[in-house]
Each structure stands twice: as structure tokens, then as C-alpha cells.
Amino acid sequence: MADVDPKVREAVRKAGPAKFNYAAFIIRAVLFHMYFIPTTLILFPFLIFKALLGIGRYRTWTTVETVGVWFTKRAIRNLVRFQMQPIPARENGLREMNNLLGTLLAILNFGGPGGYVIADSKPQTKLMDISYNRVGRKDADWFNPMPLEAFKGILTINTGSNRVTDSARYDGPALVDPKWANTRIKGYWYMRNNTDVPTPRAYGTQPRPVMLYFHGGACIAFGAGDPFMSLSLSRTAARSGNVDLFSVDYHLAPTSPFPVQITQALAGYFHLIDGYGYKPDQIFIGGDSYGAWLALQMEHYLRSDGNFITERWAKDKAPTKSGVPGLCLFSPWLFAYDIDTLGRSKGGLGDTYDIIEPALGHAGVDGLQVGPNHKKRCPLAVDTPWISPGTYPKEDLAILPPMFVVIAELEALFDEDAMFVKNVKEAGGSVELYIGKGLVHDYGAMVTFNKQFKHTCELMRAWLSQQKAFASQ
């Protein structure tokens, strides 16, 4: 990879790692719980009664599924309202203790107990169906930011007044604060069966492919180890999809604005290669909602501004422009602005039944510090490829890796996601689409739709088995 500008090295040296105002996170979390828990307990009987009467209930939903949708929609609305986010993880902090206190603190923080792994063949103590190592959480895995040499193009580190000069699609101020080049990131392992996490091996000797995964939440909510993205979605995807999954707990906006999350996604990529010995053609990339956006943009960087990254592993790249063998996208967020579609329109299925509302997307865009309100910082328009993957030109769509895409019939993003799939196919790309009938946005994150999501992941398993990396194992 290219040499590093001495000014960049000096800026990173002086910056140190990111520091967080934990008091603000704690106050917002306390206010959220003080309001949400008692009001939910009061409303819960009325929601059940309303569901039993069939008021506002979709025709195929059970009572439990209906209440689950309403509860989730209300939770998301109030997460946005109170700006409640998981308190940023601290390496070796209280939430990583191997005891009940650590588990309870994680759950209260919407950062639940994580994956299901075992430390060895001996019986392990289980808390909430989660196995722990004797000295700490085996599923949690901290890793370093990506090498300084990889911060190029749109990921250029800001040294004060420098501009990006080596990006084909971005001409503006450098966007990445140097502190993020010093800040370690947390990930969680979710295993396909009751096995230990992968053992670091010599490069190229890992026996099975892996999925690098990114959770949803508009980049302002949820986390890779919470009860929704963890116990429901990621664990099910790993088990029913028969693929070991490493989920990156990237830092949320507005603390870390665009494009910090792309740098942390790439850090996970480097970690799997340099830390565990996976080859690039073994690393599938997946995500749900905003996480699908992040998966697409990481792939975008690898085939554009960062195409130099995989040169060192040229012989082990998948036969795609980015070297990525495949993408698995659940309810992808493709447009960072309101587009005129039936799903988003007033009275449409998404507006009537879905769990997400426009306020979530608006808060995410503002938190990422892009768009009209942040032109001085980032002059990119929201209808350009780096902000809205749905605007990729035809030449980009044609060179995307093979994709498995899942969208739900009742989600607000249905029409735009279906349009994206259609455009990829017309451009000559390879994509398999599954439509979840009678389901809502990111239904894999809802335990009430777990049966349906297991079926979806079994279809993903069949798709993965047809890809070269799995077929040749």
C-alpha cells in the first residue's frame, strides 16, 4: 500500500483515541427507560385488546406478531425522540465481566449478551443461553483500526485544512478526524453451531468462509450485541445460514460522522485477514438496513478509492472488481432522502404497517452530518453514490458482487429496494431476491418473526452453498 503523509502521522499521533461523554449517554438512557418502561406497561393491555379486535392488524399477523410490531415501532420512535443510544463500549469494562452484573448492565444498555460460543469442550456456565469463557466474554473481540495507509480517497484523514485529491467521486475537505485512526473497535462472533470462535491461523489456512456483518439502526441506534441485532438477527443468521458471522459494533453517529463507519467496517475486514488468516475470497459481507448501506459502501470503497488495498492479496481475490465474493443484504437502506414511492407514501403499506417512520431516516442523515445542513463539512449531495447507494450508475451495478437481497412486503423501503434489484439485473449483475410476504422492515431483528426469518436464512444458506467459496470447501 501507499506511503503515509508525515502530516497525517503527526496528526494521528497527537490526536489519541476517541473520548466519549458518557454522562450524556447515561442521562439519555435513564430518561428513555423512565418514560418507556412505565408507559409501555400501561399501554400493553390496550395493545393486546386492540390486536384481538383486529384493529390496525395486518390480515396474516397473529396477535403476538401484531403486538410485536406495535411495540417495536413505539420503541424506535422513542429511541429517536430521546436520542437514546447504547453507551459506547469500553474495553475490559463492567459490561464485559463474566458474571450476572455484566449481563444485566449490557441488557439495560440495549447492548445485550451477544453470541453463542464456547471456550472449549468443557461445560460452561450459561446466562440467557450465552456461554462465557472463564476469564471473560468469548464472543466479544476487540480489534485495531485499519492501517494508516488505507485511509485514502474519501477516507482521507483531516490534518487541519487538507482536501481530498485522490477520489473519483469526492472533491472536498478531508472528512475523517485523526482520532478514529487510534480508536479500537469491538466485534461479536456468532457461530453456525456450538463451537468455539475461529482460531487465528496462518494466512490462507482457514477451512471455512466467514461473513463480515453490520447491524442496522440508521447509524444512530442499536448495537451489534443487543437483544434485537444479536439474539434475534445475528444468531439466527449464523445458525440457520450455516455461516460463522463476525458483527462489527461500529461507533454510532453523531459521535462518529460519515464516513467513519466505513473505516471501521474495513478495520473488521483487515482483522479477519491479518488477525485470523481468512482470504479475501472467503469473506462475504452482509448487513441489515443501514448495515446493508455500510456493506455496499465498504464494497464501493474497495473497488474505487481503496482498490489498492486488495492488491497485496491479488491472487486470493474473488473474481469481482472489489474482490468481495458476495453480499447478503436485508432490507437495505439505499436512499438517504425521501423519494416518491408507494411504500413511503401516506396510506401505503409501509406507512400503514411498517415499524420505521421517516423521522428515523432523517435523524440518521443528520447524525451522519451529511446533507443540506452540513454542506460546509461534507459537500456531497444526498442523491450521490457515496451517500445513497440506490443512485449507483449502471456501470457500478454491473460490477457488483453476486447478491442475496431480502425485502419485506410491508416495509416502507419496498419499492426502492425492488427497483434497485431490477436495475442490477438489467445491468447484468447477479442477484437473488426474496420477498418476505406479510413482513416488515428488518423483520429478522424481531423475535416475534423469528420463524419466518429462520426460513429466510435457510434460503440464504442455499444461496451461499452455490457460491464458489462454499462449494469448494
Protein backbone atom coordinates (compact mmCIF):
# COMPACT_ATOMS: atom_id res chain seq x y z
CA MET A 1 0.00 0.00 0.00
CA ALA A 2 0.99 3.66 -0.44
CA ASP A 3 3.21 5.61 1.93
CA VAL A 4 1.63 7.78 4.62
CA ASP A 5 1.90 11.57 4.55
CA PRO A 6 4.05 12.69 7.53
CA LYS A 7 1.39 15.29 8.37
CA VAL A 8 -1.14 12.51 8.74
CA ARG A 9 1.16 10.51 11.03
CA GLU A 10 1.74 13.56 13.19
CA ALA A 11 -1.98 14.41 13.37
CA VAL A 12 -2.82 10.85 14.40
CA ARG A 13 -0.03 10.81 16.99
CA LYS A 14 -1.32 14.00 18.60
CA ALA A 15 -4.99 13.06 18.47
CA GLY A 16 -5.08 9.94 20.63
CA PRO A 17 -8.18 7.70 20.67
CA ALA A 18 -11.76 9.00 20.66
CA LYS A 19 -13.18 10.08 24.01
CA PHE A 20 -16.86 9.95 24.85
CA ASN A 21 -19.15 11.98 27.09
CA TYR A 22 -20.50 9.00 28.99
CA ALA A 23 -22.66 11.20 31.22
CA ALA A 24 -24.74 12.36 28.24
CA PHE A 25 -25.29 8.77 27.09
CA ILE A 26 -26.29 7.67 30.60
CA ILE A 27 -28.70 10.58 31.10
CA ARG A 28 -30.47 9.89 27.80
CA ALA A 29 -30.67 6.18 28.61
CA VAL A 30 -32.16 6.87 32.05
CA LEU A 31 -34.72 9.30 30.64
CA PHE A 32 -35.68 6.81 27.93
CA HIS A 33 -36.20 3.96 30.40
CA MET A 34 -38.05 6.20 32.89
CA TYR A 35 -40.55 7.06 30.19
CA PHE A 36 -40.67 3.97 28.01
CA ILE A 37 -40.96 1.19 30.61
CA PRO A 38 -43.89 2.54 32.69
CA THR A 39 -45.84 3.85 29.70
CA THR A 40 -45.38 0.54 27.89
CA LEU A 41 -46.67 -1.37 30.92
CA ILE A 42 -49.74 0.89 30.95
CA LEU A 43 -50.34 0.59 27.20
CA PHE A 44 -49.60 -3.12 26.88
CA PRO A 45 -53.08 -4.44 27.83
CA PHE A 46 -54.71 -1.96 25.42
CA LEU A 47 -52.39 -3.06 22.60
CA ILE A 48 -53.34 -6.70 23.19
CA PHE A 49 -57.05 -5.84 23.26
CA LYS A 50 -56.72 -3.78 20.08
CA ALA A 51 -54.87 -6.63 18.35
CA LEU A 52 -57.50 -9.16 19.41
CA LEU A 53 -60.17 -6.95 17.88
CA GLY A 54 -58.17 -6.79 14.66
CA ILE A 55 -57.90 -3.00 14.68
CA GLY A 56 -54.90 -1.92 12.57
CA ARG A 57 -53.76 -5.53 12.30
CA TYR A 58 -52.48 -6.96 9.04
CA ARG A 59 -54.57 -9.90 7.87
CA THR A 60 -51.85 -12.57 8.20
CA TRP A 61 -50.44 -11.50 11.56
CA THR A 62 -51.07 -13.32 14.81
CA THR A 63 -51.91 -11.34 17.92
CA VAL A 64 -48.36 -11.77 19.21
CA GLU A 65 -46.85 -10.63 15.91
CA THR A 66 -49.16 -7.60 15.82
CA VAL A 67 -48.24 -6.50 19.32
CA GLY A 68 -44.57 -7.11 18.48
CA VAL A 69 -44.78 -4.75 15.50
CA TRP A 70 -46.51 -2.03 17.51
CA PHE A 71 -44.08 -2.40 20.41
CA THR A 72 -41.07 -2.19 18.07
CA LYS A 73 -42.45 0.82 16.23
CA ARG A 74 -43.07 2.61 19.52
CA ALA A 75 -39.59 1.70 20.80
CA ILE A 76 -37.90 3.06 17.65
CA ARG A 77 -39.99 6.25 17.78
CA ASN A 78 -38.88 6.90 21.35
CA LEU A 79 -35.26 5.96 20.71
CA VAL A 80 -35.26 8.79 18.15
CA ARG A 81 -37.20 11.09 20.45
CA PHE A 82 -34.82 10.66 23.41
CA GLN A 83 -31.72 10.19 21.23
CA MET A 84 -31.11 7.04 23.23
CA GLN A 85 -28.07 5.06 22.08
CA PRO A 86 -26.05 2.22 23.60
CA ILE A 87 -23.32 3.69 25.79
CA PRO A 88 -20.06 3.21 23.82
CA ALA A 89 -18.29 0.02 24.78
CA ARG A 90 -15.20 0.15 26.97
CA GLU A 91 -12.57 -2.50 26.52
CA ASN A 92 -12.45 -4.61 29.72
CA GLY A 93 -15.34 -2.54 31.12
CA LEU A 94 -18.08 -3.69 33.50
CA ARG A 95 -20.33 -4.91 30.70
CA GLU A 96 -17.70 -7.43 29.67
CA MET A 97 -17.44 -9.05 33.08
CA ASN A 98 -18.09 -12.77 33.23
CA ASN A 99 -20.94 -12.50 35.75
CA LEU A 100 -24.60 -11.60 36.15
CA LEU A 101 -23.84 -7.89 36.73
CA GLY A 102 -22.09 -7.65 33.38
CA THR A 103 -25.04 -9.27 31.64
CA LEU A 104 -27.64 -7.04 33.32
CA LEU A 105 -25.69 -3.86 32.55
CA ALA A 106 -25.42 -4.91 28.92
CA ILE A 107 -29.16 -5.58 28.63
CA LEU A 108 -30.12 -2.25 30.26
CA ASN A 109 -27.83 -0.56 27.76
CA PHE A 110 -29.60 -2.23 24.81
CA GLY A 111 -26.27 -3.96 24.31
CA GLY A 112 -27.28 -7.48 25.29
CA PRO A 113 -25.28 -10.61 25.85
CA GLY A 114 -24.08 -11.24 22.33
CA GLY A 115 -23.48 -14.50 20.54
CA TYR A 116 -23.37 -18.15 21.46
CA VAL A 117 -19.91 -19.65 21.62
CA ILE A 118 -17.99 -21.94 23.95
CA ALA A 119 -14.46 -21.62 25.19
CA ASP A 120 -13.58 -25.30 24.95
CA SER A 121 -15.11 -28.75 25.24
CA LYS A 122 -15.75 -28.39 28.98
CA PRO A 123 -19.24 -27.40 30.22
CA GLN A 124 -19.64 -23.66 30.51
CA THR A 125 -21.84 -21.53 32.75
CA LYS A 126 -24.81 -20.26 30.76
CA LEU A 127 -26.59 -16.93 31.22
CA MET A 128 -29.54 -16.30 28.90
CA ASP A 129 -28.37 -19.15 26.61
CA ILE A 130 -24.99 -17.47 26.23
CA SER A 131 -21.78 -19.32 27.04
CA TYR A 132 -18.88 -17.46 28.59
CA ASN A 133 -15.19 -18.04 28.89
CA ARG A 134 -13.96 -18.31 32.49
CA VAL A 135 -12.00 -15.07 32.23
CA GLY A 136 -14.36 -13.02 30.10
CA ARG A 137 -16.71 -12.98 27.19
CA LYS A 138 -15.52 -15.25 24.45
CA ASP A 139 -17.89 -13.78 21.86
CA ALA A 140 -16.52 -10.22 22.18
CA ASP A 141 -13.48 -9.42 20.05
CA TRP A 142 -11.69 -6.05 20.11
CA PHE A 143 -9.55 -5.10 17.14
CA ASN A 144 -7.41 -2.25 15.83
CA PRO A 145 -8.40 0.43 13.32
CA MET A 146 -7.27 -0.17 9.77
CA PRO A 147 -3.65 0.72 8.83
CA LEU A 148 -2.92 4.39 8.16
CA GLU A 149 -2.02 3.51 4.58
CA ALA A 150 -5.65 2.55 3.93
CA PHE A 151 -7.07 5.99 4.79
CA LYS A 152 -7.19 7.28 1.22
CA GLY A 153 -9.71 8.94 -1.08
CA ILE A 154 -12.95 9.74 0.67
CA LEU A 155 -11.48 8.23 3.86
CA THR A 156 -8.57 10.68 3.97
CA ILE A 157 -7.64 11.84 7.47
CA ASN A 158 -8.20 15.52 8.20
CA THR A 159 -4.96 17.23 9.26
CA GLY A 160 -6.46 20.69 9.56
CA SER A 161 -7.17 22.14 6.15
CA ASN A 162 -6.30 19.40 3.66
CA ARG A 163 -8.61 18.39 0.84
CA VAL A 164 -9.20 15.04 -0.82
CA THR A 165 -7.35 14.84 -4.12
CA ASP A 166 -7.38 11.12 -4.94
CA SER A 167 -11.08 10.27 -5.15
CA ALA A 168 -13.03 9.91 -8.38
CA ARG A 169 -16.33 10.83 -6.71
CA TYR A 170 -15.42 13.23 -3.93
CA ASP A 171 -13.77 16.63 -4.10
CA GLY A 172 -13.88 18.41 -0.78
CA PRO A 173 -12.43 18.67 2.73
CA ALA A 174 -10.89 15.58 4.32
CA LEU A 175 -13.64 14.04 6.46
CA VAL A 176 -12.06 11.64 8.95
CA ASP A 177 -10.90 13.00 12.31
CA PRO A 178 -7.45 11.57 13.15
CA LYS A 179 -8.71 10.20 16.49
CA TRP A 180 -10.55 7.43 14.65
CA ALA A 181 -7.22 6.08 13.40
CA ASN A 182 -6.36 5.43 17.08
CA THR A 183 -9.70 4.04 18.27
CA ARG A 184 -10.18 0.31 18.68
CA ILE A 185 -13.45 -1.31 17.69
CA LYS A 186 -15.48 -4.13 19.16
CA GLY A 187 -16.98 -7.05 17.29
CA TYR A 188 -19.05 -10.09 18.20
CA TRP A 189 -18.75 -13.63 16.93
CA TYR A 190 -21.88 -15.63 16.11
CA MET A 191 -21.12 -19.23 15.24
CA ARG A 192 -23.02 -21.56 12.94
CA ASN A 193 -23.12 -24.20 15.69
CA ASN A 194 -21.98 -24.67 19.26
CA THR A 195 -18.30 -24.28 18.53
CA ASP A 196 -15.51 -22.05 19.69
CA VAL A 197 -14.70 -18.85 17.83
CA PRO A 198 -12.26 -19.33 14.94
CA THR A 199 -8.65 -19.82 15.92
CA PRO A 200 -6.17 -17.38 14.38
CA ARG A 201 -4.29 -19.23 11.67
CA ALA A 202 -1.62 -18.59 9.07
CA TYR A 203 -2.97 -16.60 6.14
CA GLY A 204 -4.99 -18.71 3.72
CA THR A 205 -5.48 -21.71 6.03
CA GLN A 206 -8.95 -21.03 7.44
CA PRO A 207 -11.10 -24.02 6.40
CA ARG A 208 -14.44 -22.22 6.02
CA PRO A 209 -15.69 -18.88 4.68
CA VAL A 210 -16.99 -16.20 7.05
CA MET A 211 -19.45 -13.32 6.91
CA LEU A 212 -18.43 -9.81 7.95
CA TYR A 213 -21.66 -8.24 9.17
CA PHE A 214 -23.03 -4.78 10.02
CA HIS A 215 -26.20 -4.13 12.04
CA GLY A 216 -28.94 -1.63 11.25
CA GLY A 217 -30.46 1.30 13.12
CA ALA A 218 -29.92 4.31 10.81
CA CYS A 219 -26.44 4.62 12.38
CA ILE A 220 -28.00 6.25 15.45
CA ALA A 221 -29.49 3.28 17.32
CA PHE A 222 -28.91 -0.33 18.37
CA GLY A 223 -25.65 -2.27 18.51
CA ALA A 224 -24.02 -5.46 17.27
CA GLY A 225 -24.62 -7.22 20.58
CA ASP A 226 -28.07 -6.01 21.58
CA PRO A 227 -31.12 -8.26 22.11
CA PHE A 228 -32.51 -7.36 18.67
CA MET A 229 -29.49 -7.41 16.39
CA SER A 230 -27.91 -10.17 18.48
CA LEU A 231 -30.22 -12.77 19.99
CA SER A 232 -32.75 -12.48 17.18
CA LEU A 233 -30.98 -11.50 13.97
CA SER A 234 -27.27 -12.30 14.01
CA ARG A 235 -27.50 -15.57 15.92
CA THR A 236 -30.30 -16.80 13.65
CA ALA A 237 -28.42 -15.73 10.51
CA ALA A 238 -25.34 -17.65 11.65
CA ARG A 239 -27.16 -20.81 12.71
CA SER A 240 -29.81 -21.08 10.01
CA GLY A 241 -27.48 -19.66 7.37
CA ASN A 242 -24.72 -22.11 8.37
CA VAL A 243 -22.07 -19.41 8.32
CA ASP A 244 -19.77 -18.06 11.04
CA LEU A 245 -20.57 -14.37 11.38
CA PHE A 246 -18.44 -11.53 12.74
CA SER A 247 -20.55 -8.45 13.51
CA VAL A 248 -18.77 -5.10 13.83
CA ASP A 249 -20.04 -2.84 16.63
CA TYR A 250 -19.14 0.34 14.75
CA HIS A 251 -19.43 3.68 16.54
CA LEU A 252 -22.74 5.46 16.03
CA ALA A 253 -23.45 8.96 14.75
CA PRO A 254 -23.37 11.80 15.60
CA THR A 255 -20.32 10.95 17.72
CA SER A 256 -18.73 9.43 14.64
CA PRO A 257 -19.99 11.14 11.46
CA PHE A 258 -19.74 9.89 7.88
CA PRO A 259 -17.52 8.19 6.72
CA VAL A 260 -16.05 6.88 10.00
CA GLN A 261 -18.25 3.77 9.86
CA ILE A 262 -16.72 2.77 6.52
CA THR A 263 -13.24 2.92 8.08
CA GLN A 264 -14.41 0.69 10.93
CA ALA A 265 -16.07 -1.75 8.55
CA LEU A 266 -12.76 -2.00 6.70
CA ALA A 267 -10.96 -2.46 10.01
CA GLY A 268 -13.09 -5.56 10.54
CA TYR A 269 -12.06 -6.75 7.08
CA PHE A 270 -8.36 -6.31 7.90
CA HIS A 271 -8.92 -8.07 11.24
CA LEU A 272 -10.36 -11.16 9.59
CA ILE A 273 -7.47 -11.30 7.11
CA ASP A 274 -4.47 -10.25 9.21
CA GLY A 275 -5.79 -11.44 12.57
CA TYR A 276 -7.46 -14.73 11.62
CA GLY A 277 -5.95 -15.70 8.28
CA TYR A 278 -9.05 -15.55 6.07
CA LYS A 279 -8.50 -14.86 2.36
CA PRO A 280 -10.49 -12.05 0.71
CA ASP A 281 -12.39 -14.57 -1.42
CA GLN A 282 -13.64 -16.21 1.80
CA ILE A 283 -15.14 -13.05 3.30
CA PHE A 284 -18.77 -12.42 2.40
CA ILE A 285 -20.22 -9.10 3.52
CA GLY A 286 -23.71 -8.67 4.95
CA GLY A 287 -25.90 -6.17 6.73
CA ASP A 288 -29.43 -5.12 7.52
CA SER A 289 -30.99 -1.70 6.88
CA TYR A 290 -28.21 0.86 7.50
CA GLY A 291 -25.83 -2.09 7.88
CA ALA A 292 -26.67 -3.08 4.30
CA TRP A 293 -25.84 0.51 3.28
CA LEU A 294 -22.50 0.09 5.05
CA ALA A 295 -21.84 -3.26 3.35
CA LEU A 296 -22.44 -1.68 -0.05
CA GLN A 297 -20.25 1.34 0.72
CA MET A 298 -17.40 -0.78 2.02
CA GLU A 299 -17.53 -2.76 -1.23
CA HIS A 300 -17.75 0.57 -3.09
CA TYR A 301 -14.52 1.75 -1.45
CA LEU A 302 -12.67 -1.48 -2.21
CA ARG A 303 -13.40 -1.15 -5.94
CA SER A 304 -12.82 2.62 -6.17
CA ASP A 305 -10.75 4.84 -3.85
CA GLY A 306 -9.38 1.83 -1.97
CA ASN A 307 -8.77 -0.54 -4.86
CA PHE A 308 -5.10 -0.61 -3.86
CA ILE A 309 -5.97 -2.41 -0.61
CA THR A 310 -6.56 -5.85 -2.08
CA GLU A 311 -3.50 -5.66 -4.38
CA ARG A 312 -1.46 -7.36 -1.68
CA TRP A 313 -3.85 -10.34 -1.85
CA ALA A 314 -4.41 -10.18 -5.62
CA LYS A 315 -4.18 -13.93 -6.18
CA ASP A 316 -6.78 -14.58 -3.45
CA LYS A 317 -9.41 -12.07 -4.50
CA ALA A 318 -12.81 -13.17 -5.68
CA PRO A 319 -13.32 -12.56 -9.43
CA THR A 320 -15.07 -9.25 -8.79
CA LYS A 321 -13.81 -5.67 -9.05
CA SER A 322 -13.70 -5.32 -5.25
CA GLY A 323 -12.50 -8.86 -4.52
CA VAL A 324 -15.64 -9.48 -2.43
CA PRO A 325 -17.25 -12.87 -3.22
CA GLY A 326 -20.81 -11.88 -2.34
CA LEU A 327 -23.18 -9.55 -0.48
CA CYS A 328 -26.15 -10.50 1.73
CA LEU A 329 -28.46 -7.53 2.23
CA PHE A 330 -31.56 -7.47 4.46
CA SER A 331 -33.98 -4.54 3.97
CA PRO A 332 -31.20 -2.33 2.57
CA TRP A 333 -31.33 1.45 3.15
CA LEU A 334 -30.42 2.77 -0.29
CA PHE A 335 -31.64 6.37 -0.41
CA ALA A 336 -30.70 8.95 2.23
CA TYR A 337 -33.54 11.18 1.10
CA ASP A 338 -37.29 10.81 0.66
CA ILE A 339 -38.09 9.51 -2.79
CA ASP A 340 -41.58 9.34 -4.25
CA THR A 341 -42.58 5.70 -3.90
CA LEU A 342 -45.82 3.99 -2.98
CA GLY A 343 -44.22 2.32 0.05
CA ARG A 344 -43.23 5.66 1.54
CA SER A 345 -46.42 7.48 0.59
CA LYS A 346 -49.18 8.34 3.03
CA GLY A 347 -51.60 5.44 3.24
CA GLY A 348 -49.23 2.99 1.54
CA LEU A 349 -48.47 -0.41 3.05
CA GLY A 350 -45.20 0.84 4.53
CA ASP A 351 -46.83 3.89 6.05
CA THR A 352 -49.67 1.78 7.46
CA TYR A 353 -47.88 -1.29 8.80
CA ASP A 354 -44.10 -0.83 8.89
CA ILE A 355 -42.04 -0.37 12.05
CA ILE A 356 -39.99 2.55 10.72
CA GLU A 357 -41.08 6.14 10.11
CA PRO A 358 -39.41 8.93 8.10
CA ALA A 359 -38.12 10.52 11.32
CA LEU A 360 -35.65 7.65 11.79
CA GLY A 361 -34.03 8.18 8.40
CA HIS A 362 -33.99 11.95 8.81
CA ALA A 363 -32.29 11.61 12.21
CA GLY A 364 -29.75 9.20 10.73
CA VAL A 365 -28.82 11.53 7.87
CA ASP A 366 -28.48 14.48 10.24
CA GLY A 367 -26.44 12.38 12.68
CA LEU A 368 -24.06 11.35 9.93
CA GLN A 369 -23.57 15.08 9.28
CA VAL A 370 -24.30 14.94 5.58
CA GLY A 371 -26.94 16.66 3.51
CA PRO A 372 -28.08 20.29 3.15
CA ASN A 373 -27.47 21.17 6.82
CA HIS A 374 -23.84 20.04 6.68
CA LYS A 375 -22.61 21.19 3.27
CA LYS A 376 -19.64 23.04 4.75
CA ARG A 377 -18.33 19.87 6.36
CA CYS A 378 -19.32 17.47 3.55
CA PRO A 379 -20.35 19.00 0.20
CA LEU A 380 -21.70 15.72 -1.17
CA ALA A 381 -25.35 15.86 -2.19
CA VAL A 382 -27.60 13.19 -0.66
CA ASP A 383 -28.54 11.91 -4.11
CA THR A 384 -24.99 10.86 -4.98
CA PRO A 385 -23.48 7.33 -4.77
CA TRP A 386 -21.38 7.84 -1.61
CA ILE A 387 -24.50 8.85 0.34
CA SER A 388 -27.25 6.92 -1.47
CA PRO A 389 -26.20 3.56 -3.00
CA GLY A 390 -29.52 3.47 -4.81
CA THR A 391 -28.05 6.08 -7.16
CA TYR A 392 -25.13 3.90 -8.30
CA PRO A 393 -24.80 4.35 -12.07
CA LYS A 394 -25.32 1.40 -14.41
CA GLU A 395 -21.59 0.77 -14.76
CA ASP A 396 -21.36 0.29 -10.96
CA LEU A 397 -24.37 -2.01 -10.82
CA ALA A 398 -22.84 -4.23 -13.49
CA ILE A 399 -19.71 -4.94 -11.43
CA LEU A 400 -21.27 -5.52 -8.03
CA PRO A 401 -20.54 -8.94 -6.48
CA PRO A 402 -23.30 -11.59 -6.53
CA MET A 403 -26.02 -10.58 -4.09
CA PHE A 404 -28.71 -12.19 -1.94
CA VAL A 405 -31.27 -9.47 -1.16
CA VAL A 406 -34.21 -9.69 1.23
CA ILE A 407 -37.04 -7.15 1.33
CA ALA A 408 -40.35 -7.28 3.15
CA GLU A 409 -43.74 -6.82 1.55
CA LEU A 410 -44.92 -4.27 4.12
CA GLU A 411 -41.81 -2.18 4.54
CA ALA A 412 -41.58 1.46 3.58
CA LEU A 413 -38.44 0.76 1.54
CA PHE A 414 -40.04 -1.99 -0.57
CA ASP A 415 -40.40 -0.11 -3.86
CA GLU A 416 -36.94 1.44 -3.89
CA ASP A 417 -35.27 -1.84 -2.89
CA ALA A 418 -37.18 -3.71 -5.61
CA MET A 419 -36.19 -1.01 -8.11
CA PHE A 420 -32.52 -1.41 -7.11
CA VAL A 421 -32.67 -5.18 -7.65
CA LYS A 422 -34.33 -4.65 -11.04
CA ASN A 423 -31.63 -2.16 -12.05
CA VAL A 424 -28.85 -4.56 -11.03
CA LYS A 425 -30.37 -7.35 -13.09
CA GLU A 426 -30.83 -5.09 -16.11
CA ALA A 427 -27.17 -4.01 -15.81
CA GLY A 428 -26.10 -7.64 -15.97
CA GLY A 429 -25.46 -8.18 -12.26
CA SER A 430 -26.22 -11.37 -10.35
CA VAL A 431 -28.84 -11.01 -7.63
CA GLU A 432 -31.26 -13.38 -5.92
CA LEU A 433 -34.27 -11.65 -4.38
CA TYR A 434 -36.51 -12.95 -1.60
CA ILE A 435 -39.67 -11.05 -0.63
CA GLY A 436 -40.98 -11.71 2.87
CA LYS A 437 -44.75 -11.81 2.50
CA GLY A 438 -46.69 -10.04 5.25
CA LEU A 439 -43.47 -8.91 6.94
CA VAL A 440 -41.98 -5.56 7.93
CA HIS A 441 -38.63 -3.81 7.65
CA ASP A 442 -35.72 -5.72 9.18
CA TYR A 443 -38.03 -8.43 10.49
CA GLY A 444 -35.04 -10.56 11.43
CA ALA A 445 -34.45 -8.25 14.40
CA MET A 446 -37.89 -9.11 15.85
CA VAL A 447 -38.20 -12.29 17.89
CA THR A 448 -41.92 -12.46 17.00
CA PHE A 449 -40.95 -13.07 13.36
CA ASN A 450 -38.08 -15.44 14.15
CA LYS A 451 -39.75 -18.43 12.48
CA GLN A 452 -40.07 -16.50 9.21
CA PHE A 453 -36.50 -15.22 9.49
CA LYS A 454 -35.16 -18.74 10.01
CA HIS A 455 -36.77 -19.70 6.71
CA THR A 456 -35.19 -16.65 5.07
CA CYS A 457 -31.76 -17.61 6.37
CA GLU A 458 -32.21 -21.17 5.13
CA LEU A 459 -32.69 -19.67 1.66
CA MET A 460 -29.54 -17.60 2.22
CA ARG A 461 -27.77 -20.81 3.20
CA ALA A 462 -28.80 -22.40 -0.10
CA TRP A 463 -27.57 -19.33 -1.99
CA LEU A 464 -24.26 -19.31 -0.14
CA SER A 465 -23.75 -23.01 -0.87
CA GLN A 466 -23.83 -22.19 -4.58
CA GLN A 467 -21.04 -19.62 -4.29
CA LYS A 468 -17.53 -20.77 -5.14
CA ALA A 469 -16.08 -20.13 -1.65
CA PHE A 470 -18.60 -22.53 -0.07
CA ALA A 471 -18.83 -25.00 -2.92
CA SER A 472 -15.06 -25.58 -2.84
CA GLN A 473 -14.71 -26.10 0.92
